[in-house]
Amino acid sequence: MWYVIYSDDVENSLPLRKQTRAAHLERIQLLVDQGRVLVAGPCPAIDSEDPGEAGFTGSLVIAEFNSLEEAQKWADTDPYAIAGVYQKVVVKPYKKVLP
């Protein structure tokens, strides 16, 4: 089943994001390689593809897992979560309807 993982960043998270980005992306790439990612990416703090020093306010991943527990465990062990980038992470089942 698909699961939405929505994470809210702490204030001024950009330095932490920069330090941990490679490990975070490498981990998501493993799911991509397995065909388990529907979409993934950050939420810019301003209305811009490249927010620069404004940074980001959170992240969204929609990925396939065997259970809610597995999705939650994956989210809890994300390098950004461990580094303190996120202040809150919500994991919910997701039913893809369109397109």
PDB file of N, CA and C in Angstrom:
ATOM      1  N   MET A   1       0.843  -1.178   0.000  1.00  0.00           N
ATOM      2  CA  MET A   1       0.000   0.000   0.000  1.00  0.00           C
ATOM      3  C   MET A   1       0.889   1.243   0.000  1.00  0.00           C
ATOM      4  N   TRP A   2       0.322   2.327  -0.526  1.00  0.00           N
ATOM      5  CA  TRP A   2       1.026   3.610  -0.510  1.00  0.00           C
ATOM      6  C   TRP A   2       0.841   4.275   0.857  1.00  0.00           C
ATOM      7  N   TYR A   3       1.853   5.059   1.252  1.00  0.00           N
ATOM      8  CA  TYR A   3       1.801   5.824   2.499  1.00  0.00           C
ATOM      9  C   TYR A   3       2.361   7.222   2.255  1.00  0.00           C
ATOM     10  N   VAL A   4       1.676   8.206   2.818  1.00  0.00           N
ATOM     11  CA  VAL A   4       2.138   9.588   2.798  1.00  0.00           C
ATOM     12  C   VAL A   4       2.994   9.809   4.034  1.00  0.00           C
ATOM     13  N   ILE A   5       4.169  10.351   3.822  1.00  0.00           N
ATOM     14  CA  ILE A   5       5.042  10.746   4.926  1.00  0.00           C
ATOM     15  C   ILE A   5       5.254  12.238   4.772  1.00  0.00           C
ATOM     16  N   TYR A   6       4.607  13.011   5.647  1.00  0.00           N
ATOM     17  CA  TYR A   6       4.740  14.466   5.597  1.00  0.00           C
ATOM     18  C   TYR A   6       5.496  14.929   6.840  1.00  0.00           C
ATOM     19  N   SER A   7       6.544  15.666   6.615  1.00  0.00           N
ATOM     20  CA  SER A   7       7.411  16.103   7.703  1.00  0.00           C
ATOM     21  C   SER A   7       7.496  17.619   7.733  1.00  0.00           C
ATOM     22  N   ASP A   8       7.306  18.193   8.916  1.00  0.00           N
ATOM     23  CA  ASP A   8       7.472  19.635   9.135  1.00  0.00           C
ATOM     24  C   ASP A   8       8.867  19.897   9.679  1.00  0.00           C
ATOM     25  N   ASP A   9       9.560  20.853   9.073  1.00  0.00           N
ATOM     26  CA  ASP A   9      10.906  21.215   9.529  1.00  0.00           C
ATOM     27  C   ASP A   9      10.879  22.069  10.794  1.00  0.00           C
ATOM     28  N   VAL A  10      11.963  22.020  11.530  1.00  0.00           N
ATOM     29  CA  VAL A  10      12.200  22.971  12.609  1.00  0.00           C
ATOM     30  C   VAL A  10      12.533  24.310  11.954  1.00  0.00           C
ATOM     31  N   GLU A  11      12.486  25.376  12.713  1.00  0.00           N
ATOM     32  CA  GLU A  11      12.887  26.692  12.207  1.00  0.00           C
ATOM     33  C   GLU A  11      14.360  26.649  11.806  1.00  0.00           C
ATOM     34  N   ASN A  12      14.692  27.349  10.735  1.00  0.00           N
ATOM     35  CA  ASN A  12      16.083  27.466  10.271  1.00  0.00           C
ATOM     36  C   ASN A  12      16.745  26.095  10.076  1.00  0.00           C
ATOM     37  N   SER A  13      16.058  25.222   9.379  1.00  0.00           N
ATOM     38  CA  SER A  13      16.537  23.849   9.183  1.00  0.00           C
ATOM     39  C   SER A  13      17.593  23.707   8.085  1.00  0.00           C
ATOM     40  N   LEU A  14      17.788  24.736   7.286  1.00  0.00           N
ATOM     41  CA  LEU A  14      18.656  24.620   6.119  1.00  0.00           C
ATOM     42  C   LEU A  14      20.066  24.103   6.436  1.00  0.00           C
ATOM     43  N   PRO A  15      20.760  24.602   7.462  1.00  0.00           N
ATOM     44  CA  PRO A  15      22.094  24.052   7.747  1.00  0.00           C
ATOM     45  C   PRO A  15      22.065  22.549   8.050  1.00  0.00           C
ATOM     46  N   LEU A  16      21.061  22.104   8.804  1.00  0.00           N
ATOM     47  CA  LEU A  16      20.936  20.670   9.096  1.00  0.00           C
ATOM     48  C   LEU A  16      20.621  19.883   7.833  1.00  0.00           C
ATOM     49  N   ARG A  17      19.757  20.435   6.991  1.00  0.00           N
ATOM     50  CA  ARG A  17      19.435  19.777   5.724  1.00  0.00           C
ATOM     51  C   ARG A  17      20.691  19.606   4.872  1.00  0.00           C
ATOM     52  N   LYS A  18      21.473  20.655   4.765  1.00  0.00           N
ATOM     53  CA  LYS A  18      22.676  20.603   3.935  1.00  0.00           C
ATOM     54  C   LYS A  18      23.649  19.529   4.434  1.00  0.00           C
ATOM     55  N   GLN A  19      23.801  19.419   5.751  1.00  0.00           N
ATOM     56  CA  GLN A  19      24.724  18.442   6.338  1.00  0.00           C
ATOM     57  C   GLN A  19      24.291  17.006   6.086  1.00  0.00           C
ATOM     58  N   THR A  20      23.001  16.771   5.987  1.00  0.00           N
ATOM     59  CA  THR A  20      22.452  15.420   5.968  1.00  0.00           C
ATOM     60  C   THR A  20      21.853  15.038   4.617  1.00  0.00           C
ATOM     61  N   ARG A  21      21.823  15.957   3.673  1.00  0.00           N
ATOM     62  CA  ARG A  21      21.104  15.754   2.411  1.00  0.00           C
ATOM     63  C   ARG A  21      21.554  14.513   1.651  1.00  0.00           C
ATOM     64  N   ALA A  22      22.842  14.286   1.529  1.00  0.00           N
ATOM     65  CA  ALA A  22      23.330  13.141   0.746  1.00  0.00           C
ATOM     66  C   ALA A  22      22.805  11.823   1.306  1.00  0.00           C
ATOM     67  N   ALA A  23      22.853  11.656   2.605  1.00  0.00           N
ATOM     68  CA  ALA A  23      22.369  10.417   3.231  1.00  0.00           C
ATOM     69  C   ALA A  23      20.857  10.281   3.068  1.00  0.00           C
ATOM     70  N   HIS A  24      20.141  11.384   3.200  1.00  0.00           N
ATOM     71  CA  HIS A  24      18.684  11.392   3.036  1.00  0.00           C
ATOM     72  C   HIS A  24      18.303  10.968   1.610  1.00  0.00           C
ATOM     73  N   LEU A  25      18.939  11.559   0.609  1.00  0.00           N
ATOM     74  CA  LEU A  25      18.631  11.243  -0.784  1.00  0.00           C
ATOM     75  C   LEU A  25      19.050   9.829  -1.155  1.00  0.00           C
ATOM     76  N   GLU A  26      20.157   9.380  -0.635  1.00  0.00           N
ATOM     77  CA  GLU A  26      20.631   8.017  -0.909  1.00  0.00           C
ATOM     78  C   GLU A  26      19.611   6.992  -0.417  1.00  0.00           C
ATOM     79  N   ARG A  27      19.045   7.254   0.734  1.00  0.00           N
ATOM     80  CA  ARG A  27      18.049   6.346   1.316  1.00  0.00           C
ATOM     81  C   ARG A  27      16.765   6.324   0.491  1.00  0.00           C
ATOM     82  N   ILE A  28      16.321   7.481   0.039  1.00  0.00           N
ATOM     83  CA  ILE A  28      15.132   7.538  -0.811  1.00  0.00           C
ATOM     84  C   ILE A  28      15.419   6.876  -2.156  1.00  0.00           C
ATOM     85  N   GLN A  29      16.624   7.040  -2.677  1.00  0.00           N
ATOM     86  CA  GLN A  29      16.982   6.438  -3.962  1.00  0.00           C
ATOM     87  C   GLN A  29      16.848   4.917  -3.913  1.00  0.00           C
ATOM     88  N   LEU A  30      17.102   4.310  -2.782  1.00  0.00           N
ATOM     89  CA  LEU A  30      16.919   2.859  -2.654  1.00  0.00           C
ATOM     90  C   LEU A  30      15.469   2.474  -2.924  1.00  0.00           C
ATOM     91  N   LEU A  31      14.527   3.253  -2.405  1.00  0.00           N
ATOM     92  CA  LEU A  31      13.107   3.003  -2.665  1.00  0.00           C
ATOM     93  C   LEU A  31      12.773   3.263  -4.135  1.00  0.00           C
ATOM     94  N   VAL A  32      13.345   4.320  -4.702  1.00  0.00           N
ATOM     95  CA  VAL A  32      13.124   4.637  -6.125  1.00  0.00           C
ATOM     96  C   VAL A  32      13.584   3.461  -6.984  1.00  0.00           C
ATOM     97  N   ASP A  33      14.765   2.943  -6.692  1.00  0.00           N
ATOM     98  CA  ASP A  33      15.325   1.836  -7.460  1.00  0.00           C
ATOM     99  C   ASP A  33      14.443   0.591  -7.389  1.00  0.00           C
ATOM    100  N   GLN A  34      13.690   0.462  -6.306  1.00  0.00           N
ATOM    101  CA  GLN A  34      12.776  -0.673  -6.127  1.00  0.00           C
ATOM    102  C   GLN A  34      11.387  -0.380  -6.698  1.00  0.00           C
ATOM    103  N   GLY A  35      11.202   0.806  -7.290  1.00  0.00           N
ATOM    104  CA  GLY A  35       9.922   1.177  -7.861  1.00  0.00           C
ATOM    105  C   GLY A  35       8.854   1.468  -6.828  1.00  0.00           C
ATOM    106  N   ARG A  36       9.270   1.929  -5.637  1.00  0.00           N
ATOM    107  CA  ARG A  36       8.342   2.121  -4.522  1.00  0.00           C
ATOM    108  C   ARG A  36       8.041   3.574  -4.195  1.00  0.00           C
ATOM    109  N   VAL A  37       8.497   4.523  -5.016  1.00  0.00           N
ATOM    110  CA  VAL A  37       8.239   5.936  -4.740  1.00  0.00           C
ATOM    111  C   VAL A  37       7.308   6.501  -5.811  1.00  0.00           C
ATOM    112  N   LEU A  38       6.211   7.072  -5.366  1.00  0.00           N
ATOM    113  CA  LEU A  38       5.275   7.746  -6.250  1.00  0.00           C
ATOM    114  C   LEU A  38       5.735   9.177  -6.491  1.00  0.00           C
ATOM    115  N   VAL A  39       6.146   9.853  -5.407  1.00  0.00           N
ATOM    116  CA  VAL A  39       6.629  11.223  -5.473  1.00  0.00           C
ATOM    117  C   VAL A  39       7.404  11.521  -4.184  1.00  0.00           C
ATOM    118  N   ALA A  40       8.374  12.406  -4.289  1.00  0.00           N
ATOM    119  CA  ALA A  40       9.126  12.822  -3.103  1.00  0.00           C
ATOM    120  C   ALA A  40       9.754  14.177  -3.369  1.00  0.00           C
ATOM    121  N   GLY A  41       9.789  15.022  -2.340  1.00  0.00           N
ATOM    122  CA  GLY A  41      10.446  16.307  -2.487  1.00  0.00           C
ATOM    123  C   GLY A  41      10.173  17.231  -1.320  1.00  0.00           C
ATOM    124  N   PRO A  42      10.924  18.332  -1.267  1.00  0.00           N
ATOM    125  CA  PRO A  42      10.779  19.298  -0.185  1.00  0.00           C
ATOM    126  C   PRO A  42       9.729  20.371  -0.509  1.00  0.00           C
ATOM    127  N   CYS A  43       9.309  21.076   0.511  1.00  0.00           N
ATOM    128  CA  CYS A  43       8.369  22.197   0.380  1.00  0.00           C
ATOM    129  C   CYS A  43       9.152  23.492   0.590  1.00  0.00           C
ATOM    130  N   PRO A  44       9.391  24.269  -0.468  1.00  0.00           N
ATOM    131  CA  PRO A  44      10.143  25.517  -0.333  1.00  0.00           C
ATOM    132  C   PRO A  44       9.449  26.500   0.615  1.00  0.00           C
ATOM    133  N   ALA A  45      10.250  27.251   1.343  1.00  0.00           N
ATOM    134  CA  ALA A  45       9.717  28.238   2.292  1.00  0.00           C
ATOM    135  C   ALA A  45       9.132  29.451   1.585  1.00  0.00           C
ATOM    136  N   ILE A  46       9.506  29.649   0.323  1.00  0.00           N
ATOM    137  CA  ILE A  46       8.960  30.748  -0.479  1.00  0.00           C
ATOM    138  C   ILE A  46       8.475  30.176  -1.806  1.00  0.00           C
ATOM    139  N   ASP A  47       7.727  30.947  -2.536  1.00  0.00           N
ATOM    140  CA  ASP A  47       7.150  30.503  -3.801  1.00  0.00           C
ATOM    141  C   ASP A  47       8.216  30.527  -4.892  1.00  0.00           C
ATOM    142  N   SER A  48       9.109  29.532  -4.834  1.00  0.00           N
ATOM    143  CA  SER A  48      10.217  29.465  -5.770  1.00  0.00           C
ATOM    144  C   SER A  48      10.740  28.038  -5.841  1.00  0.00           C
ATOM    145  N   GLU A  49      11.105  27.604  -7.045  1.00  0.00           N
ATOM    146  CA  GLU A  49      11.725  26.287  -7.217  1.00  0.00           C
ATOM    147  C   GLU A  49      13.044  26.203  -6.442  1.00  0.00           C
ATOM    148  N   ASP A  50      13.760  27.319  -6.387  1.00  0.00           N
ATOM    149  CA  ASP A  50      15.038  27.378  -5.669  1.00  0.00           C
ATOM    150  C   ASP A  50      14.945  28.468  -4.610  1.00  0.00           C
ATOM    151  N   PRO A  51      14.569  28.105  -3.385  1.00  0.00           N
ATOM    152  CA  PRO A  51      14.363  29.127  -2.358  1.00  0.00           C
ATOM    153  C   PRO A  51      15.648  29.686  -1.751  1.00  0.00           C
ATOM    154  N   GLY A  52      16.800  29.175  -2.168  1.00  0.00           N
ATOM    155  CA  GLY A  52      18.060  29.684  -1.638  1.00  0.00           C
ATOM    156  C   GLY A  52      18.109  29.608  -0.131  1.00  0.00           C
ATOM    157  N   GLU A  53      18.545  30.680   0.485  1.00  0.00           N
ATOM    158  CA  GLU A  53      18.717  30.708   1.946  1.00  0.00           C
ATOM    159  C   GLU A  53      17.395  30.723   2.709  1.00  0.00           C
ATOM    160  N   ALA A  54      16.272  30.924   2.021  1.00  0.00           N
ATOM    161  CA  ALA A  54      14.964  30.832   2.687  1.00  0.00           C
ATOM    162  C   ALA A  54      14.710  29.400   3.138  1.00  0.00           C
ATOM    163  N   GLY A  55      15.271  28.446   2.412  1.00  0.00           N
ATOM    164  CA  GLY A  55      15.195  27.051   2.806  1.00  0.00           C
ATOM    165  C   GLY A  55      13.846  26.405   2.557  1.00  0.00           C
ATOM    166  N   PHE A  56      13.509  25.475   3.425  1.00  0.00           N
ATOM    167  CA  PHE A  56      12.330  24.643   3.247  1.00  0.00           C
ATOM    168  C   PHE A  56      11.552  24.546   4.548  1.00  0.00           C
ATOM    169  N   THR A  57      10.274  24.223   4.407  1.00  0.00           N
ATOM    170  CA  THR A  57       9.415  24.103   5.590  1.00  0.00           C
ATOM    171  C   THR A  57       9.049  22.662   5.900  1.00  0.00           C
ATOM    172  N   GLY A  58       9.386  21.761   5.013  1.00  0.00           N
ATOM    173  CA  GLY A  58       9.045  20.362   5.232  1.00  0.00           C
ATOM    174  C   GLY A  58       9.325  19.530   4.003  1.00  0.00           C
ATOM    175  N   SER A  59       8.882  18.272   4.066  1.00  0.00           N
ATOM    176  CA  SER A  59       9.088  17.334   2.967  1.00  0.00           C
ATOM    177  C   SER A  59       7.880  16.429   2.826  1.00  0.00           C
ATOM    178  N   LEU A  60       7.699  15.915   1.620  1.00  0.00           N
ATOM    179  CA  LEU A  60       6.631  14.965   1.333  1.00  0.00           C
ATOM    180  C   LEU A  60       7.223  13.770   0.598  1.00  0.00           C
ATOM    181  N   VAL A  61       6.876  12.581   1.067  1.00  0.00           N
ATOM    182  CA  VAL A  61       7.227  11.344   0.380  1.00  0.00           C
ATOM    183  C   VAL A  61       5.951  10.514   0.316  1.00  0.00           C
ATOM    184  N   ILE A  62       5.633  10.009  -0.866  1.00  0.00           N
ATOM    185  CA  ILE A  62       4.578   9.013  -0.992  1.00  0.00           C
ATOM    186  C   ILE A  62       5.263   7.773  -1.533  1.00  0.00           C
ATOM    187  N   ALA A  63       5.289   6.738  -0.711  1.00  0.00           N
ATOM    188  CA  ALA A  63       6.026   5.526  -1.053  1.00  0.00           C
ATOM    189  C   ALA A  63       5.245   4.283  -0.634  1.00  0.00           C
ATOM    190  N   GLU A  64       5.621   3.182  -1.212  1.00  0.00           N
ATOM    191  CA  GLU A  64       4.950   1.913  -0.959  1.00  0.00           C
ATOM    192  C   GLU A  64       5.674   1.122   0.129  1.00  0.00           C
ATOM    193  N   PHE A  65       4.906   0.663   1.103  1.00  0.00           N
ATOM    194  CA  PHE A  65       5.419  -0.174   2.189  1.00  0.00           C
ATOM    195  C   PHE A  65       4.426  -1.296   2.430  1.00  0.00           C
ATOM    196  N   ASN A  66       4.849  -2.312   3.164  1.00  0.00           N
ATOM    197  CA  ASN A  66       3.978  -3.445   3.470  1.00  0.00           C
ATOM    198  C   ASN A  66       2.950  -3.146   4.550  1.00  0.00           C
ATOM    199  N   SER A  67       3.229  -2.130   5.369  1.00  0.00           N
ATOM    200  CA  SER A  67       2.322  -1.816   6.473  1.00  0.00           C
ATOM    201  C   SER A  67       2.584  -0.400   6.969  1.00  0.00           C
ATOM    202  N   LEU A  68       1.624   0.111   7.724  1.00  0.00           N
ATOM    203  CA  LEU A  68       1.794   1.424   8.357  1.00  0.00           C
ATOM    204  C   LEU A  68       2.984   1.397   9.303  1.00  0.00           C
ATOM    205  N   GLU A  69       3.153   0.314  10.022  1.00  0.00           N
ATOM    206  CA  GLU A  69       4.277   0.195  10.955  1.00  0.00           C
ATOM    207  C   GLU A  69       5.619   0.270  10.232  1.00  0.00           C
ATOM    208  N   GLU A  70       5.694  -0.396   9.069  1.00  0.00           N
ATOM    209  CA  GLU A  70       6.933  -0.355   8.287  1.00  0.00           C
ATOM    210  C   GLU A  70       7.203   1.058   7.775  1.00  0.00           C
ATOM    211  N   ALA A  71       6.164   1.729   7.311  1.00  0.00           N
ATOM    212  CA  ALA A  71       6.313   3.106   6.825  1.00  0.00           C
ATOM    213  C   ALA A  71       6.752   4.027   7.956  1.00  0.00           C
ATOM    214  N   GLN A  72       6.162   3.864   9.134  1.00  0.00           N
ATOM    215  CA  GLN A  72       6.516   4.688  10.289  1.00  0.00           C
ATOM    216  C   GLN A  72       7.963   4.450  10.708  1.00  0.00           C
ATOM    217  N   LYS A  73       8.364   3.194  10.720  1.00  0.00           N
ATOM    218  CA  LYS A  73       9.756   2.873  11.091  1.00  0.00           C
ATOM    219  C   LYS A  73      10.730   3.494  10.090  1.00  0.00           C
ATOM    220  N   TRP A  74      10.379   3.415   8.798  1.00  0.00           N
ATOM    221  CA  TRP A  74      11.238   4.013   7.775  1.00  0.00           C
ATOM    222  C   TRP A  74      11.345   5.521   8.003  1.00  0.00           C
ATOM    223  N   ALA A  75      10.211   6.168   8.269  1.00  0.00           N
ATOM    224  CA  ALA A  75      10.200   7.619   8.498  1.00  0.00           C
ATOM    225  C   ALA A  75      11.009   7.990   9.743  1.00  0.00           C
ATOM    226  N   ASP A  76      10.867   7.201  10.787  1.00  0.00           N
ATOM    227  CA  ASP A  76      11.568   7.487  12.050  1.00  0.00           C
ATOM    228  C   ASP A  76      13.076   7.359  11.930  1.00  0.00           C
ATOM    229  N   THR A  77      13.536   6.570  10.964  1.00  0.00           N
ATOM    230  CA  THR A  77      14.978   6.356  10.807  1.00  0.00           C
ATOM    231  C   THR A  77      15.564   7.132   9.624  1.00  0.00           C
ATOM    232  N   ASP A  78      14.795   8.072   9.084  1.00  0.00           N
ATOM    233  CA  ASP A  78      15.305   8.933   8.020  1.00  0.00           C
ATOM    234  C   ASP A  78      16.445   9.787   8.573  1.00  0.00           C
ATOM    235  N   PRO A  79      17.525   9.968   7.817  1.00  0.00           N
ATOM    236  CA  PRO A  79      18.632  10.795   8.297  1.00  0.00           C
ATOM    237  C   PRO A  79      18.208  12.203   8.723  1.00  0.00           C
ATOM    238  N   TYR A  80      17.238  12.809   8.029  1.00  0.00           N
ATOM    239  CA  TYR A  80      16.760  14.127   8.437  1.00  0.00           C
ATOM    240  C   TYR A  80      16.075  14.051   9.809  1.00  0.00           C
ATOM    241  N   ALA A  81      15.293  13.021  10.042  1.00  0.00           N
ATOM    242  CA  ALA A  81      14.622  12.867  11.344  1.00  0.00           C
ATOM    243  C   ALA A  81      15.658  12.701  12.451  1.00  0.00           C
ATOM    244  N   ILE A  82      16.644  11.882  12.212  1.00  0.00           N
ATOM    245  CA  ILE A  82      17.690  11.623  13.214  1.00  0.00           C
ATOM    246  C   ILE A  82      18.517  12.884  13.480  1.00  0.00           C
ATOM    247  N   ALA A  83      18.778  13.678  12.434  1.00  0.00           N
ATOM    248  CA  ALA A  83      19.595  14.893  12.572  1.00  0.00           C
ATOM    249  C   ALA A  83      18.839  16.055  13.208  1.00  0.00           C
ATOM    250  N   GLY A  84      17.507  15.930  13.365  1.00  0.00           N
ATOM    251  CA  GLY A  84      16.736  17.008  13.972  1.00  0.00           C
ATOM    252  C   GLY A  84      16.195  18.021  12.981  1.00  0.00           C
ATOM    253  N   VAL A  85      16.183  17.685  11.687  1.00  0.00           N
ATOM    254  CA  VAL A  85      15.611  18.581  10.673  1.00  0.00           C
ATOM    255  C   VAL A  85      14.106  18.721  10.892  1.00  0.00           C
ATOM    256  N   TYR A  86      13.468  17.624  11.265  1.00  0.00           N
ATOM    257  CA  TYR A  86      12.014  17.610  11.397  1.00  0.00           C
ATOM    258  C   TYR A  86      11.557  17.815  12.831  1.00  0.00           C
ATOM    259  N   GLN A  87      10.517  18.627  12.993  1.00  0.00           N
ATOM    260  CA  GLN A  87       9.896  18.793  14.305  1.00  0.00           C
ATOM    261  C   GLN A  87       8.691  17.867  14.460  1.00  0.00           C
ATOM    262  N   LYS A  88       8.102  17.462  13.313  1.00  0.00           N
ATOM    263  CA  LYS A  88       6.930  16.595  13.348  1.00  0.00           C
ATOM    264  C   LYS A  88       6.867  15.785  12.055  1.00  0.00           C
ATOM    265  N   VAL A  89       6.531  14.502  12.187  1.00  0.00           N
ATOM    266  CA  VAL A  89       6.387  13.629  11.036  1.00  0.00           C
ATOM    267  C   VAL A  89       5.047  12.910  11.154  1.00  0.00           C
ATOM    268  N   VAL A  90       4.254  12.980  10.088  1.00  0.00           N
ATOM    269  CA  VAL A  90       2.964  12.303  10.044  1.00  0.00           C
ATOM    270  C   VAL A  90       3.019  11.250   8.951  1.00  0.00           C
ATOM    271  N   VAL A  91       2.613  10.034   9.291  1.00  0.00           N
ATOM    272  CA  VAL A  91       2.576   8.933   8.331  1.00  0.00           C
ATOM    273  C   VAL A  91       1.145   8.427   8.268  1.00  0.00           C
ATOM    274  N   LYS A  92       0.601   8.380   7.035  1.00  0.00           N
ATOM    275  CA  LYS A  92      -0.789   7.950   6.850  1.00  0.00           C
ATOM    276  C   LYS A  92      -0.903   7.061   5.622  1.00  0.00           C
ATOM    277  N   PRO A  93      -1.829   6.108   5.655  1.00  0.00           N
ATOM    278  CA  PRO A  93      -2.108   5.341   4.446  1.00  0.00           C
ATOM    279  C   PRO A  93      -2.618   6.273   3.349  1.00  0.00           C
ATOM    280  N   TYR A  94      -2.349   5.935   2.097  1.00  0.00           N
ATOM    281  CA  TYR A  94      -2.747   6.753   0.967  1.00  0.00           C
ATOM    282  C   TYR A  94      -3.314   5.863  -0.132  1.00  0.00           C
ATOM    283  N   LYS A  95      -4.437   6.248  -0.673  1.00  0.00           N
ATOM    284  CA  LYS A  95      -5.042   5.525  -1.794  1.00  0.00           C
ATOM    285  C   LYS A  95      -4.939   6.387  -3.048  1.00  0.00           C
ATOM    286  N   LYS A  96      -4.118   5.957  -3.981  1.00  0.00           N
ATOM    287  CA  LYS A  96      -3.948   6.680  -5.247  1.00  0.00           C
ATOM    288  C   LYS A  96      -5.178   6.431  -6.118  1.00  0.00           C
ATOM    289  N   VAL A  97      -5.816   7.494  -6.551  1.00  0.00           N
ATOM    290  CA  VAL A  97      -6.983   7.393  -7.424  1.00  0.00           C
ATOM    291  C   VAL A  97      -6.688   7.967  -8.805  1.00  0.00           C
ATOM    292  N   LEU A  98      -6.111   9.156  -8.867  1.00  0.00           N
ATOM    293  CA  LEU A  98      -5.820   9.811 -10.137  1.00  0.00           C
ATOM    294  C   LEU A  98      -4.365  10.262 -10.184  1.00  0.00           C
ATOM    295  N   PRO A  99      -3.735  10.413 -11.279  1.00  0.00           N
ATOM    296  CA  PRO A  99      -4.160   9.961 -12.594  1.00  0.00           C
ATOM    297  C   PRO A  99      -4.011   8.467 -12.723  1.00  0.00           C
TER     298      PRO A  99
END
